């Protein structure tokens, strides 16, 4: 399953920008990858992990922010379509592999 975190964090004042950047950094620390500027994703394999992540995101959300979380099954996530403009940066995302020696 893929957990998507879509959020709206105000960035009008210096303090709001600082809080928004801190929240984005925290998402990366928690294993999320940026899909778009205010949309991050992370693979979740266990319900307990999902619930813990939701608790952390709720606790650390800035007071003036709002988030929406989506839990997508692999079938839905694997069927996504990305359309890129001519000058956009094309990123290739691969599934992590573990190699035992």
PDB file of N, CA and C in Angstrom:
ATOM      1  N   UNK A   1       0.842  -1.176   0.000  1.00  0.00           N
ATOM      2  CA  UNK A   1       0.000   0.000   0.000  1.00  0.00           C
ATOM      3  C   UNK A   1       0.888   1.240   0.000  1.00  0.00           C
ATOM      4  N   UNK A   2       0.353   2.291  -0.564  1.00  0.00           N
ATOM      5  CA  UNK A   2       1.069   3.559  -0.614  1.00  0.00           C
ATOM      6  C   UNK A   2       0.282   4.587   0.196  1.00  0.00           C
ATOM      7  N   UNK A   3       0.962   5.267   1.102  1.00  0.00           N
ATOM      8  CA  UNK A   3       0.351   6.330   1.883  1.00  0.00           C
ATOM      9  C   UNK A   3       0.742   7.659   1.256  1.00  0.00           C
ATOM     10  N   UNK A   4      -0.252   8.403   0.773  1.00  0.00           N
ATOM     11  CA  UNK A   4      -0.022   9.729   0.196  1.00  0.00           C
ATOM     12  C   UNK A   4      -0.381  10.777   1.235  1.00  0.00           C
ATOM     13  N   UNK A   5       0.481  11.763   1.365  1.00  0.00           N
ATOM     14  CA  UNK A   5       0.244  12.869   2.286  1.00  0.00           C
ATOM     15  C   UNK A   5       0.168  14.150   1.471  1.00  0.00           C
ATOM     16  N   UNK A   6      -1.028  14.695   1.333  1.00  0.00           N
ATOM     17  CA  UNK A   6      -1.242  15.962   0.634  1.00  0.00           C
ATOM     18  C   UNK A   6      -1.489  17.012   1.704  1.00  0.00           C
ATOM     19  N   UNK A   7      -0.774  18.128   1.604  1.00  0.00           N
ATOM     20  CA  UNK A   7      -0.915  19.121   2.659  1.00  0.00           C
ATOM     21  C   UNK A   7      -0.920  20.536   2.117  1.00  0.00           C
ATOM     22  N   UNK A   8      -1.492  21.410   2.931  1.00  0.00           N
ATOM     23  CA  UNK A   8      -1.535  22.836   2.631  1.00  0.00           C
ATOM     24  C   UNK A   8      -0.984  23.547   3.863  1.00  0.00           C
ATOM     25  N   UNK A   9       0.211  24.111   3.717  1.00  0.00           N
ATOM     26  CA  UNK A   9       0.832  24.828   4.819  1.00  0.00           C
ATOM     27  C   UNK A   9       1.058  26.276   4.389  1.00  0.00           C
ATOM     28  N   UNK A  10       0.481  27.226   5.118  1.00  0.00           N
ATOM     29  CA  UNK A  10       0.664  28.630   4.745  1.00  0.00           C
ATOM     30  C   UNK A  10       2.143  29.017   4.790  1.00  0.00           C
ATOM     31  N   UNK A  11       2.539  29.928   3.890  1.00  0.00           N
ATOM     32  CA  UNK A  11       3.938  30.347   3.798  1.00  0.00           C
ATOM     33  C   UNK A  11       4.043  31.870   3.676  1.00  0.00           C
ATOM     34  N   UNK A  12       3.136  32.572   4.313  1.00  0.00           N
ATOM     35  CA  UNK A  12       3.108  34.031   4.172  1.00  0.00           C
ATOM     36  C   UNK A  12       4.136  34.730   5.057  1.00  0.00           C
ATOM     37  N   UNK A  13       4.333  34.249   6.267  1.00  0.00           N
ATOM     38  CA  UNK A  13       5.293  34.881   7.173  1.00  0.00           C
ATOM     39  C   UNK A  13       6.556  34.029   7.261  1.00  0.00           C
ATOM     40  N   UNK A  14       7.587  34.617   7.822  1.00  0.00           N
ATOM     41  CA  UNK A  14       8.856  33.904   7.986  1.00  0.00           C
ATOM     42  C   UNK A  14       8.670  32.666   8.873  1.00  0.00           C
ATOM     43  N   UNK A  15       7.888  32.810   9.934  1.00  0.00           N
ATOM     44  CA  UNK A  15       7.639  31.692  10.848  1.00  0.00           C
ATOM     45  C   UNK A  15       6.876  30.568  10.147  1.00  0.00           C
ATOM     46  N   UNK A  16       5.892  30.922   9.305  1.00  0.00           N
ATOM     47  CA  UNK A  16       5.127  29.903   8.574  1.00  0.00           C
ATOM     48  C   UNK A  16       6.007  29.173   7.571  1.00  0.00           C
ATOM     49  N   UNK A  17       6.883  29.895   6.885  1.00  0.00           N
ATOM     50  CA  UNK A  17       7.804  29.249   5.938  1.00  0.00           C
ATOM     51  C   UNK A  17       8.742  28.297   6.662  1.00  0.00           C
ATOM     52  N   UNK A  18       9.227  28.714   7.815  1.00  0.00           N
ATOM     53  CA  UNK A  18      10.122  27.872   8.606  1.00  0.00           C
ATOM     54  C   UNK A  18       9.398  26.603   9.060  1.00  0.00           C
ATOM     55  N   UNK A  19       8.160  26.755   9.532  1.00  0.00           N
ATOM     56  CA  UNK A  19       7.375  25.601   9.987  1.00  0.00           C
ATOM     57  C   UNK A  19       7.070  24.658   8.818  1.00  0.00           C
ATOM     58  N   UNK A  20       6.760  25.209   7.647  1.00  0.00           N
ATOM     59  CA  UNK A  20       6.460  24.385   6.470  1.00  0.00           C
ATOM     60  C   UNK A  20       7.699  23.604   6.034  1.00  0.00           C
ATOM     61  N   UNK A  21       8.847  24.258   6.013  1.00  0.00           N
ATOM     62  CA  UNK A  21      10.083  23.568   5.632  1.00  0.00           C
ATOM     63  C   UNK A  21      10.450  22.491   6.636  1.00  0.00           C
ATOM     64  N   UNK A  22      10.248  22.766   7.902  1.00  0.00           N
ATOM     65  CA  UNK A  22      10.529  21.769   8.944  1.00  0.00           C
ATOM     66  C   UNK A  22       9.613  20.554   8.773  1.00  0.00           C
ATOM     67  N   UNK A  23       8.352  20.800   8.441  1.00  0.00           N
ATOM     68  CA  UNK A  23       7.399  19.698   8.257  1.00  0.00           C
ATOM     69  C   UNK A  23       7.799  18.847   7.046  1.00  0.00           C
ATOM     70  N   UNK A  24       8.201  19.485   5.965  1.00  0.00           N
ATOM     71  CA  UNK A  24       8.664  18.743   4.777  1.00  0.00           C
ATOM     72  C   UNK A  24       9.897  17.904   5.106  1.00  0.00           C
ATOM     73  N   UNK A  25      10.826  18.472   5.849  1.00  0.00           N
ATOM     74  CA  UNK A  25      12.019  17.726   6.250  1.00  0.00           C
ATOM     75  C   UNK A  25      11.648  16.534   7.117  1.00  0.00           C
ATOM     76  N   UNK A  26      10.668  16.716   7.973  1.00  0.00           N
ATOM     77  CA  UNK A  26      10.223  15.621   8.846  1.00  0.00           C
ATOM     78  C   UNK A  26       9.591  14.496   8.021  1.00  0.00           C
ATOM     79  N   UNK A  27       8.845  14.856   6.988  1.00  0.00           N
ATOM     80  CA  UNK A  27       8.272  13.836   6.115  1.00  0.00           C
ATOM     81  C   UNK A  27       9.371  12.982   5.488  1.00  0.00           C
ATOM     82  N   UNK A  28      10.440  13.615   5.040  1.00  0.00           N
ATOM     83  CA  UNK A  28      11.562  12.885   4.446  1.00  0.00           C
ATOM     84  C   UNK A  28      12.219  11.986   5.495  1.00  0.00           C
ATOM     85  N   UNK A  29      12.392  12.498   6.715  1.00  0.00           N
ATOM     86  CA  UNK A  29      12.960  11.693   7.796  1.00  0.00           C
ATOM     87  C   UNK A  29      12.111  10.459   8.080  1.00  0.00           C
ATOM     88  N   UNK A  30      10.802  10.587   7.898  1.00  0.00           N
ATOM     89  CA  UNK A  30       9.886   9.476   8.142  1.00  0.00           C
ATOM     90  C   UNK A  30       9.806   8.509   6.960  1.00  0.00           C
ATOM     91  N   UNK A  31      10.582   8.762   5.919  1.00  0.00           N
ATOM     92  CA  UNK A  31      10.633   7.847   4.785  1.00  0.00           C
ATOM     93  C   UNK A  31       9.754   8.222   3.609  1.00  0.00           C
ATOM     94  N   UNK A  32       9.159   9.401   3.640  1.00  0.00           N
ATOM     95  CA  UNK A  32       8.339   9.858   2.529  1.00  0.00           C
ATOM     96  C   UNK A  32       9.230  10.430   1.428  1.00  0.00           C
ATOM     97  N   UNK A  33       8.759  10.331   0.206  1.00  0.00           N
ATOM     98  CA  UNK A  33       9.447  10.922  -0.940  1.00  0.00           C
ATOM     99  C   UNK A  33       8.515  11.947  -1.577  1.00  0.00           C
ATOM    100  N   UNK A  34       9.095  13.055  -2.034  1.00  0.00           N
ATOM    101  CA  UNK A  34       8.273  14.097  -2.631  1.00  0.00           C
ATOM    102  C   UNK A  34       7.804  13.670  -4.017  1.00  0.00           C
ATOM    103  N   UNK A  35       6.509  13.674  -4.210  1.00  0.00           N
ATOM    104  CA  UNK A  35       5.916  13.374  -5.509  1.00  0.00           C
ATOM    105  C   UNK A  35       5.656  14.683  -6.248  1.00  0.00           C
ATOM    106  N   UNK A  36       5.115  15.657  -5.546  1.00  0.00           N
ATOM    107  CA  UNK A  36       4.946  17.029  -6.012  1.00  0.00           C
ATOM    108  C   UNK A  36       5.231  17.913  -4.801  1.00  0.00           C
ATOM    109  N   UNK A  37       5.206  19.229  -4.990  1.00  0.00           N
ATOM    110  CA  UNK A  37       5.648  20.120  -3.922  1.00  0.00           C
ATOM    111  C   UNK A  37       4.909  19.881  -2.604  1.00  0.00           C
ATOM    112  N   UNK A  38       3.614  19.680  -2.634  1.00  0.00           N
ATOM    113  CA  UNK A  38       2.847  19.452  -1.408  1.00  0.00           C
ATOM    114  C   UNK A  38       2.214  18.064  -1.385  1.00  0.00           C
ATOM    115  N   UNK A  39       2.867  17.117  -2.036  1.00  0.00           N
ATOM    116  CA  UNK A  39       2.373  15.746  -2.070  1.00  0.00           C
ATOM    117  C   UNK A  39       3.554  14.794  -1.891  1.00  0.00           C
ATOM    118  N   UNK A  40       3.515  14.062  -0.798  1.00  0.00           N
ATOM    119  CA  UNK A  40       4.584  13.119  -0.480  1.00  0.00           C
ATOM    120  C   UNK A  40       3.990  11.722  -0.400  1.00  0.00           C
ATOM    121  N   UNK A  41       4.823  10.709  -0.671  1.00  0.00           N
ATOM    122  CA  UNK A  41       4.338   9.329  -0.648  1.00  0.00           C
ATOM    123  C   UNK A  41       5.318   8.432   0.074  1.00  0.00           C
ATOM    124  N   UNK A  42       4.772   7.359   0.641  1.00  0.00           N
ATOM    125  CA  UNK A  42       5.591   6.364   1.316  1.00  0.00           C
ATOM    126  C   UNK A  42       4.885   5.017   1.235  1.00  0.00           C
ATOM    127  N   UNK A  43       5.661   3.987   0.972  1.00  0.00           N
ATOM    128  CA  UNK A  43       5.101   2.642   0.975  1.00  0.00           C
ATOM    129  C   UNK A  43       4.900   2.200   2.423  1.00  0.00           C
ATOM    130  N   UNK A  44       3.752   1.586   2.677  1.00  0.00           N
ATOM    131  CA  UNK A  44       3.410   1.102   4.008  1.00  0.00           C
ATOM    132  C   UNK A  44       2.978  -0.349   3.870  1.00  0.00           C
ATOM    133  N   UNK A  45       3.617  -1.221   4.602  1.00  0.00           N
ATOM    134  CA  UNK A  45       3.293  -2.648   4.500  1.00  0.00           C
ATOM    135  C   UNK A  45       2.464  -3.174   5.661  1.00  0.00           C
ATOM    136  N   UNK A  46       2.439  -2.429   6.766  1.00  0.00           N
ATOM    137  CA  UNK A  46       1.716  -2.892   7.952  1.00  0.00           C
ATOM    138  C   UNK A  46       0.810  -1.790   8.481  1.00  0.00           C
ATOM    139  N   UNK A  47      -0.352  -2.186   8.949  1.00  0.00           N
ATOM    140  CA  UNK A  47      -1.334  -1.241   9.479  1.00  0.00           C
ATOM    141  C   UNK A  47      -0.770  -0.504  10.694  1.00  0.00           C
ATOM    142  N   UNK A  48       0.014  -1.194  11.534  1.00  0.00           N
ATOM    143  CA  UNK A  48       0.595  -0.552  12.715  1.00  0.00           C
ATOM    144  C   UNK A  48       1.513   0.605  12.325  1.00  0.00           C
ATOM    145  N   UNK A  49       2.293   0.412  11.265  1.00  0.00           N
ATOM    146  CA  UNK A  49       3.185   1.474  10.786  1.00  0.00           C
ATOM    147  C   UNK A  49       2.359   2.647  10.272  1.00  0.00           C
ATOM    148  N   UNK A  50       1.311   2.337   9.518  1.00  0.00           N
ATOM    149  CA  UNK A  50       0.423   3.390   8.996  1.00  0.00           C
ATOM    150  C   UNK A  50      -0.172   4.206  10.140  1.00  0.00           C
ATOM    151  N   UNK A  51      -0.671   3.525  11.155  1.00  0.00           N
ATOM    152  CA  UNK A  51      -1.287   4.221  12.285  1.00  0.00           C
ATOM    153  C   UNK A  51      -0.276   5.081  13.037  1.00  0.00           C
ATOM    154  N   UNK A  52       0.941   4.574  13.203  1.00  0.00           N
ATOM    155  CA  UNK A  52       1.982   5.353  13.894  1.00  0.00           C
ATOM    156  C   UNK A  52       2.352   6.600  13.081  1.00  0.00           C
ATOM    157  N   UNK A  53       2.468   6.440  11.760  1.00  0.00           N
ATOM    158  CA  UNK A  53       2.773   7.592  10.907  1.00  0.00           C
ATOM    159  C   UNK A  53       1.674   8.648  10.992  1.00  0.00           C
ATOM    160  N   UNK A  54       0.437   8.212  10.993  1.00  0.00           N
ATOM    161  CA  UNK A  54      -0.684   9.157  11.102  1.00  0.00           C
ATOM    162  C   UNK A  54      -0.603   9.915  12.421  1.00  0.00           C
ATOM    163  N   UNK A  55      -0.294   9.210  13.503  1.00  0.00           N
ATOM    164  CA  UNK A  55      -0.163   9.869  14.806  1.00  0.00           C
ATOM    165  C   UNK A  55       0.954  10.917  14.788  1.00  0.00           C
ATOM    166  N   UNK A  56       2.104  10.565  14.202  1.00  0.00           N
ATOM    167  CA  UNK A  56       3.232  11.498  14.141  1.00  0.00           C
ATOM    168  C   UNK A  56       2.873  12.718  13.297  1.00  0.00           C
ATOM    169  N   UNK A  57       2.262  12.473  12.128  1.00  0.00           N
ATOM    170  CA  UNK A  57       1.888  13.592  11.247  1.00  0.00           C
ATOM    171  C   UNK A  57       0.885  14.517  11.923  1.00  0.00           C
ATOM    172  N   UNK A  58      -0.028  13.950  12.671  1.00  0.00           N
ATOM    173  CA  UNK A  58      -1.033  14.751  13.384  1.00  0.00           C
ATOM    174  C   UNK A  58      -0.368  15.582  14.487  1.00  0.00           C
ATOM    175  N   UNK A  59       0.544  14.972  15.236  1.00  0.00           N
ATOM    176  CA  UNK A  59       1.208  15.664  16.343  1.00  0.00           C
ATOM    177  C   UNK A  59       2.094  16.811  15.863  1.00  0.00           C
ATOM    178  N   UNK A  60       2.751  16.642  14.718  1.00  0.00           N
ATOM    179  CA  UNK A  60       3.750  17.605  14.274  1.00  0.00           C
ATOM    180  C   UNK A  60       3.240  18.606  13.234  1.00  0.00           C
ATOM    181  N   UNK A  61       1.970  18.530  12.893  1.00  0.00           N
ATOM    182  CA  UNK A  61       1.391  19.463  11.930  1.00  0.00           C
ATOM    183  C   UNK A  61       1.368  20.873  12.514  1.00  0.00           C
ATOM    184  N   UNK A  62       1.881  21.866  11.769  1.00  0.00           N
ATOM    185  CA  UNK A  62       1.787  23.254  12.251  1.00  0.00           C
ATOM    186  C   UNK A  62       0.326  23.659  12.484  1.00  0.00           C
ATOM    187  N   UNK A  63       0.131  24.578  13.417  1.00  0.00           N
ATOM    188  CA  UNK A  63      -1.218  24.978  13.829  1.00  0.00           C
ATOM    189  C   UNK A  63      -2.095  25.460  12.679  1.00  0.00           C
ATOM    190  N   UNK A  64      -1.516  26.112  11.692  1.00  0.00           N
ATOM    191  CA  UNK A  64      -2.303  26.676  10.600  1.00  0.00           C
ATOM    192  C   UNK A  64      -2.340  25.774   9.371  1.00  0.00           C
ATOM    193  N   UNK A  65      -1.850  24.546   9.482  1.00  0.00           N
ATOM    194  CA  UNK A  65      -1.781  23.649   8.337  1.00  0.00           C
ATOM    195  C   UNK A  65      -2.959  22.693   8.257  1.00  0.00           C
ATOM    196  N   UNK A  66      -3.048  22.030   7.110  1.00  0.00           N
ATOM    197  CA  UNK A  66      -4.074  21.011   6.892  1.00  0.00           C
ATOM    198  C   UNK A  66      -3.457  19.901   6.044  1.00  0.00           C
ATOM    199  N   UNK A  67      -3.729  18.644   6.416  1.00  0.00           N
ATOM    200  CA  UNK A  67      -3.237  17.523   5.614  1.00  0.00           C
ATOM    201  C   UNK A  67      -4.395  16.593   5.293  1.00  0.00           C
ATOM    202  N   UNK A  68      -4.264  15.908   4.178  1.00  0.00           N
ATOM    203  CA  UNK A  68      -5.193  14.853   3.792  1.00  0.00           C
ATOM    204  C   UNK A  68      -4.341  13.638   3.465  1.00  0.00           C
ATOM    205  N   UNK A  69      -4.693  12.498   4.032  1.00  0.00           N
ATOM    206  CA  UNK A  69      -3.947  11.265   3.796  1.00  0.00           C
ATOM    207  C   UNK A  69      -4.798  10.312   2.974  1.00  0.00           C
ATOM    208  N   UNK A  70      -4.153   9.671   2.010  1.00  0.00           N
ATOM    209  CA  UNK A  70      -4.812   8.674   1.170  1.00  0.00           C
ATOM    210  C   UNK A  70      -4.026   7.379   1.289  1.00  0.00           C
ATOM    211  N   UNK A  71      -4.720   6.278   1.481  1.00  0.00           N
ATOM    212  CA  UNK A  71      -4.089   4.965   1.505  1.00  0.00           C
ATOM    213  C   UNK A  71      -4.491   4.247   0.224  1.00  0.00           C
ATOM    214  N   UNK A  72      -3.529   4.074  -0.682  1.00  0.00           N
ATOM    215  CA  UNK A  72      -3.813   3.467  -1.979  1.00  0.00           C
ATOM    216  C   UNK A  72      -3.308   2.036  -2.028  1.00  0.00           C
ATOM    217  N   UNK A  73      -4.148   1.112  -2.445  1.00  0.00           N
ATOM    218  CA  UNK A  73      -3.655  -0.256  -2.642  1.00  0.00           C
ATOM    219  C   UNK A  73      -2.646  -0.289  -3.789  1.00  0.00           C
ATOM    220  N   UNK A  74      -1.779  -1.284  -3.792  1.00  0.00           N
ATOM    221  CA  UNK A  74      -0.737  -1.376  -4.821  1.00  0.00           C
ATOM    222  C   UNK A  74      -1.321  -1.380  -6.229  1.00  0.00           C
ATOM    223  N   UNK A  75      -2.478  -1.998  -6.424  1.00  0.00           N
ATOM    224  CA  UNK A  75      -3.084  -2.066  -7.749  1.00  0.00           C
ATOM    225  C   UNK A  75      -3.401  -0.664  -8.280  1.00  0.00           C
ATOM    226  N   UNK A  76      -3.876   0.203  -7.408  1.00  0.00           N
ATOM    227  CA  UNK A  76      -4.202   1.567  -7.811  1.00  0.00           C
ATOM    228  C   UNK A  76      -2.920   2.359  -8.043  1.00  0.00           C
ATOM    229  N   UNK A  77      -1.977   2.248  -7.129  1.00  0.00           N
ATOM    230  CA  UNK A  77      -0.728   3.000  -7.252  1.00  0.00           C
ATOM    231  C   UNK A  77       0.066   2.571  -8.486  1.00  0.00           C
ATOM    232  N   UNK A  78       0.074   1.272  -8.777  1.00  0.00           N
ATOM    233  CA  UNK A  78       0.822   0.777  -9.931  1.00  0.00           C
ATOM    234  C   UNK A  78       0.207   1.214 -11.257  1.00  0.00           C
ATOM    235  N   UNK A  79      -1.057   1.618 -11.235  1.00  0.00           N
ATOM    236  CA  UNK A  79      -1.742   2.024 -12.466  1.00  0.00           C
ATOM    237  C   UNK A  79      -1.694   3.535 -12.694  1.00  0.00           C
ATOM    238  N   UNK A  80      -0.934   4.259 -11.883  1.00  0.00           N
ATOM    239  CA  UNK A  80      -0.898   5.712 -12.048  1.00  0.00           C
ATOM    240  C   UNK A  80      -0.234   6.109 -13.366  1.00  0.00           C
ATOM    241  N   UNK A  81      -0.641   7.237 -13.865  1.00  0.00           N
ATOM    242  CA  UNK A  81      -0.108   7.773 -15.118  1.00  0.00           C
ATOM    243  C   UNK A  81       0.493   9.142 -14.815  1.00  0.00           C
ATOM    244  N   UNK A  82       1.721   9.349 -15.243  1.00  0.00           N
ATOM    245  CA  UNK A  82       2.395  10.631 -15.063  1.00  0.00           C
ATOM    246  C   UNK A  82       2.621  11.238 -16.437  1.00  0.00           C
ATOM    247  N   UNK A  83       2.186  12.465 -16.609  1.00  0.00           N
ATOM    248  CA  UNK A  83       2.358  13.174 -17.876  1.00  0.00           C
ATOM    249  C   UNK A  83       3.328  14.325 -17.619  1.00  0.00           C
ATOM    250  N   UNK A  84       4.415  14.348 -18.366  1.00  0.00           N
ATOM    251  CA  UNK A  84       5.460  15.347 -18.173  1.00  0.00           C
ATOM    252  C   UNK A  84       5.504  16.320 -19.341  1.00  0.00           C
ATOM    253  N   UNK A  85       5.782  17.568 -19.036  1.00  0.00           N
ATOM    254  CA  UNK A  85       5.991  18.565 -20.076  1.00  0.00           C
ATOM    255  C   UNK A  85       7.330  18.345 -20.758  1.00  0.00           C
ATOM    256  N   UNK A  86       7.531  19.008 -21.868  1.00  0.00           N
ATOM    257  CA  UNK A  86       8.746  18.825 -22.657  1.00  0.00           C
ATOM    258  C   UNK A  86      10.016  19.155 -21.879  1.00  0.00           C
ATOM    259  N   UNK A  87       9.954  20.149 -21.009  1.00  0.00           N
ATOM    260  CA  UNK A  87      11.156  20.591 -20.311  1.00  0.00           C
ATOM    261  C   UNK A  87      11.204  20.135 -18.857  1.00  0.00           C
ATOM    262  N   UNK A  88      10.300  19.272 -18.453  1.00  0.00           N
ATOM    263  CA  UNK A  88      10.314  18.816 -17.070  1.00  0.00           C
ATOM    264  C   UNK A  88      11.413  17.782 -16.868  1.00  0.00           C
ATOM    265  N   UNK A  89      11.811  17.638 -15.619  1.00  0.00           N
ATOM    266  CA  UNK A  89      12.846  16.669 -15.272  1.00  0.00           C
ATOM    267  C   UNK A  89      12.186  15.311 -15.131  1.00  0.00           C
ATOM    268  N   UNK A  90      12.703  14.336 -15.838  1.00  0.00           N
ATOM    269  CA  UNK A  90      12.168  12.977 -15.798  1.00  0.00           C
ATOM    270  C   UNK A  90      12.928  12.182 -14.750  1.00  0.00           C
ATOM    271  N   UNK A  91      12.212  11.703 -13.726  1.00  0.00           N
ATOM    272  CA  UNK A  91      12.834  10.923 -12.664  1.00  0.00           C
ATOM    273  C   UNK A  91      12.384   9.474 -12.798  1.00  0.00           C
ATOM    274  N   UNK A  92      13.307   8.574 -12.607  1.00  0.00           N
ATOM    275  CA  UNK A  92      12.982   7.164 -12.594  1.00  0.00           C
ATOM    276  C   UNK A  92      13.027   6.678 -11.157  1.00  0.00           C
ATOM    277  N   UNK A  93      11.939   6.075 -10.722  1.00  0.00           N
ATOM    278  CA  UNK A  93      11.865   5.549  -9.363  1.00  0.00           C
ATOM    279  C   UNK A  93      11.865   4.037  -9.460  1.00  0.00           C
ATOM    280  N   UNK A  94      12.806   3.443  -8.743  1.00  0.00           N
ATOM    281  CA  UNK A  94      12.902   1.992  -8.754  1.00  0.00           C
ATOM    282  C   UNK A  94      12.570   1.441  -7.381  1.00  0.00           C
ATOM    283  N   UNK A  95      12.135   0.216  -7.360  1.00  0.00           N
ATOM    284  CA  UNK A  95      11.877  -0.475  -6.105  1.00  0.00           C
ATOM    285  C   UNK A  95      13.219  -0.821  -5.478  1.00  0.00           C
ATOM    286  N   UNK A  96      13.346  -0.557  -4.182  1.00  0.00           N
ATOM    287  CA  UNK A  96      14.592  -0.867  -3.488  1.00  0.00           C
ATOM    288  C   UNK A  96      14.838  -2.372  -3.484  1.00  0.00           C
ATOM    289  N   UNK A  97      16.102  -2.745  -3.638  1.00  0.00           N
ATOM    290  CA  UNK A  97      16.463  -4.159  -3.615  1.00  0.00           C
ATOM    291  C   UNK A  97      17.424  -4.407  -2.463  1.00  0.00           C
ATOM    292  N   UNK A  98      17.304  -5.569  -1.867  1.00  0.00           N
ATOM    293  CA  UNK A  98      18.227  -5.992  -0.828  1.00  0.00           C
ATOM    294  C   UNK A  98      19.048  -7.141  -1.406  1.00  0.00           C
ATOM    295  N   UNK A  99      20.348  -6.999  -1.333  1.00  0.00           N
ATOM    296  CA  UNK A  99      21.229  -8.028  -1.864  1.00  0.00           C
ATOM    297  C   UNK A  99      22.019  -8.626  -0.705  1.00  0.00           C
ATOM    298  N   UNK A 100      21.917  -9.927  -0.542  1.00  0.00           N
ATOM    299  CA  UNK A 100      22.660 -10.624   0.502  1.00  0.00           C
ATOM    300  C   UNK A 100      23.928 -11.195  -0.101  1.00  0.00           C
ATOM    301  N   UNK A 101      25.039 -10.970   0.549  1.00  0.00           N
ATOM    302  CA  UNK A 101      26.320 -11.497   0.075  1.00  0.00           C
ATOM    303  C   UNK A 101      26.784 -12.645   0.937  1.00  0.00           C
TER     304      UNK A 101
END
